[in-house]
Amino acid sequence: MKTKEELIQLLKTNVSEFNEYRYKTNYEYINLRWANLSEANLSGADLSYADLSGADLREANLSEANLSEANLSKADLSYADLSGADLSYADLSKANLSGADLRGADLRGADLYGATINESQIQTMLDVLNFKIREDK
């Protein structure tokens, strides 16, 4: 079992090896609470079920990442690229999502209670959720 520091280093340097490690360890619990992953290229990373609560993910590239059922409560995801990411059933409560790219992200069942988002992101999120606002005539 790798330490938190070893996991962070592996994740920052080789996402493919990190994903292989997750597979080989049968997706064991991963504690990345309060980890500094700002500006890291984590595109395609399998962070499903990981504890990333309070993590610094500002400006990180998380495009196409698997964050399903991950704990991202109080995480700073400001200006992160979450395009195409799987955030289904993730805990995003009190997370900072301001300026994050959510185009094509899967937010089904995600907990967004108290999350910070920009007004401009609301329509993107509604589109992602396939939510239509009916205009009365």
Protein backbone atom coordinates (compact mmCIF):
# COMPACT_ATOMS: atom_id res chain seq x y z
CA MET A 1 0.00 0.00 0.00
CA LYS A 2 1.42 3.35 -1.06
CA THR A 3 1.59 6.35 1.23
CA LYS A 4 -0.39 9.50 0.51
CA GLU A 5 2.77 11.26 -0.68
CA GLU A 6 3.66 8.37 -3.02
CA LEU A 7 0.14 8.39 -4.47
CA ILE A 8 0.30 12.16 -5.08
CA GLN A 9 3.68 11.84 -6.78
CA LEU A 10 2.51 8.94 -8.96
CA LEU A 11 -0.66 10.80 -9.88
CA LYS A 12 1.27 13.94 -10.84
CA THR A 13 3.87 12.10 -12.91
CA ASN A 14 2.08 9.17 -14.57
CA VAL A 15 -1.72 8.93 -14.66
CA SER A 16 -1.62 5.61 -16.56
CA GLU A 17 0.52 3.97 -13.86
CA PHE A 18 -1.72 5.47 -11.18
CA ASN A 19 -4.78 3.96 -12.87
CA GLU A 20 -3.00 0.60 -13.17
CA TYR A 21 -2.15 0.75 -9.44
CA ARG A 22 -5.83 1.40 -8.65
CA TYR A 23 -6.83 -1.62 -10.74
CA LYS A 24 -4.21 -3.91 -9.16
CA THR A 25 -5.23 -2.92 -5.63
CA ASN A 26 -8.90 -3.54 -6.38
CA TYR A 27 -9.69 0.18 -5.97
CA GLU A 28 -8.66 0.34 -2.33
CA TYR A 29 -9.55 3.45 -0.34
CA ILE A 30 -7.41 6.41 -1.36
CA ASN A 31 -6.89 9.27 1.06
CA LEU A 32 -5.93 12.45 -0.80
CA ARG A 33 -7.54 14.81 1.68
CA TRP A 34 -6.09 18.32 1.54
CA ALA A 35 -3.65 17.24 -1.21
CA ASN A 36 -2.11 19.97 -3.35
CA LEU A 37 -2.82 18.98 -6.94
CA SER A 38 -3.22 22.49 -8.32
CA GLU A 39 -2.34 22.84 -12.00
CA ALA A 40 -1.67 19.09 -12.27
CA ASN A 41 -2.50 17.22 -15.47
CA LEU A 42 -4.86 14.52 -14.19
CA SER A 43 -6.69 13.98 -17.45
CA GLY A 44 -8.20 10.49 -17.51
CA ALA A 45 -7.28 9.73 -13.89
CA ASP A 46 -9.41 7.15 -12.09
CA LEU A 47 -10.20 8.86 -8.81
CA SER A 48 -13.50 7.11 -8.25
CA TYR A 49 -14.37 6.71 -4.57
CA ALA A 50 -11.24 8.70 -3.57
CA ASP A 51 -11.30 11.09 -0.62
CA LEU A 52 -10.27 14.45 -2.06
CA SER A 53 -12.04 16.54 0.55
CA GLY A 54 -10.38 19.93 0.96
CA ALA A 55 -7.94 19.19 -1.89
CA ASP A 56 -6.41 22.04 -3.89
CA LEU A 57 -7.30 21.27 -7.51
CA ARG A 58 -7.22 24.85 -8.80
CA GLU A 59 -6.58 24.96 -12.55
CA ALA A 60 -6.04 21.18 -12.65
CA ASN A 61 -6.80 19.29 -15.85
CA LEU A 62 -9.37 16.69 -14.84
CA SER A 63 -10.88 16.28 -18.29
CA GLU A 64 -12.30 12.78 -18.83
CA ALA A 65 -11.35 11.86 -15.23
CA ASN A 66 -13.44 9.37 -13.28
CA LEU A 67 -14.50 11.10 -10.06
CA SER A 68 -17.68 9.09 -9.54
CA GLU A 69 -18.61 8.81 -5.88
CA ALA A 70 -15.47 10.74 -4.89
CA ASN A 71 -15.52 12.98 -1.83
CA LEU A 72 -14.69 16.47 -3.09
CA SER A 73 -16.36 18.36 -0.28
CA LYS A 74 -14.65 21.71 0.40
CA ALA A 75 -12.23 21.06 -2.50
CA ASP A 76 -11.00 24.03 -4.53
CA LEU A 77 -11.77 23.22 -8.16
CA SER A 78 -11.73 26.82 -9.36
CA TYR A 79 -10.83 27.10 -13.04
CA ALA A 80 -10.27 23.33 -13.25
CA ASP A 81 -10.98 21.56 -16.53
CA LEU A 82 -13.71 19.06 -15.70
CA SER A 83 -14.93 18.68 -19.26
CA GLY A 84 -16.18 15.17 -19.88
CA ALA A 85 -15.43 14.13 -16.29
CA ASP A 86 -17.61 11.60 -14.48
CA LEU A 87 -18.77 13.33 -11.30
CA SER A 88 -21.81 11.12 -10.82
CA TYR A 89 -22.76 10.78 -7.16
CA ALA A 90 -19.68 12.78 -6.10
CA ASP A 91 -19.84 14.87 -2.95
CA LEU A 92 -19.17 18.43 -4.13
CA SER A 93 -20.75 20.08 -1.11
CA LYS A 94 -19.11 23.41 -0.30
CA ALA A 95 -16.62 22.91 -3.16
CA ASN A 96 -15.40 25.92 -5.11
CA LEU A 97 -16.30 25.35 -8.75
CA SER A 98 -16.05 28.97 -9.86
CA GLY A 99 -14.73 29.19 -13.39
CA ALA A 100 -14.49 25.40 -13.77
CA ASP A 101 -15.21 23.95 -17.21
CA LEU A 102 -18.14 21.57 -16.73
CA ARG A 103 -18.98 21.00 -20.39
CA GLY A 104 -19.95 17.37 -20.92
CA ALA A 105 -19.41 16.47 -17.25
CA ASP A 106 -21.72 13.85 -15.72
CA LEU A 107 -23.24 15.39 -12.60
CA ARG A 108 -26.04 12.85 -12.06
CA GLY A 109 -26.71 12.48 -8.35
CA ALA A 110 -23.84 14.79 -7.36
CA ASP A 111 -24.23 16.67 -4.07
CA LEU A 112 -23.75 20.36 -4.89
CA TYR A 113 -25.09 21.71 -1.59
CA GLY A 114 -23.30 24.96 -0.79
CA ALA A 115 -20.98 24.69 -3.81
CA THR A 116 -19.70 27.94 -5.30
CA ILE A 117 -20.46 28.36 -8.98
CA ASN A 118 -20.56 31.32 -11.37
CA GLU A 119 -23.81 32.46 -12.93
CA SER A 120 -22.40 31.61 -16.35
CA GLN A 121 -21.95 28.00 -15.25
CA ILE A 122 -25.60 27.56 -14.32
CA GLN A 123 -26.76 27.12 -17.92
CA THR A 124 -23.91 24.67 -18.59
CA MET A 125 -24.95 22.66 -15.54
CA LEU A 126 -28.58 22.71 -16.61
CA ASP A 127 -27.54 21.48 -20.05
CA VAL A 128 -25.43 18.73 -18.49
CA LEU A 129 -28.40 17.65 -16.39
CA ASN A 130 -30.61 17.85 -19.50
CA PHE A 131 -32.82 20.31 -17.61
CA LYS A 132 -35.01 22.58 -19.69
CA ILE A 133 -36.63 25.77 -18.45
CA ARG A 134 -40.06 26.26 -19.95
CA GLU A 135 -40.88 29.81 -20.82
CA ASP A 136 -44.49 30.82 -20.21
CA LYS A 137 -46.18 32.61 -23.06
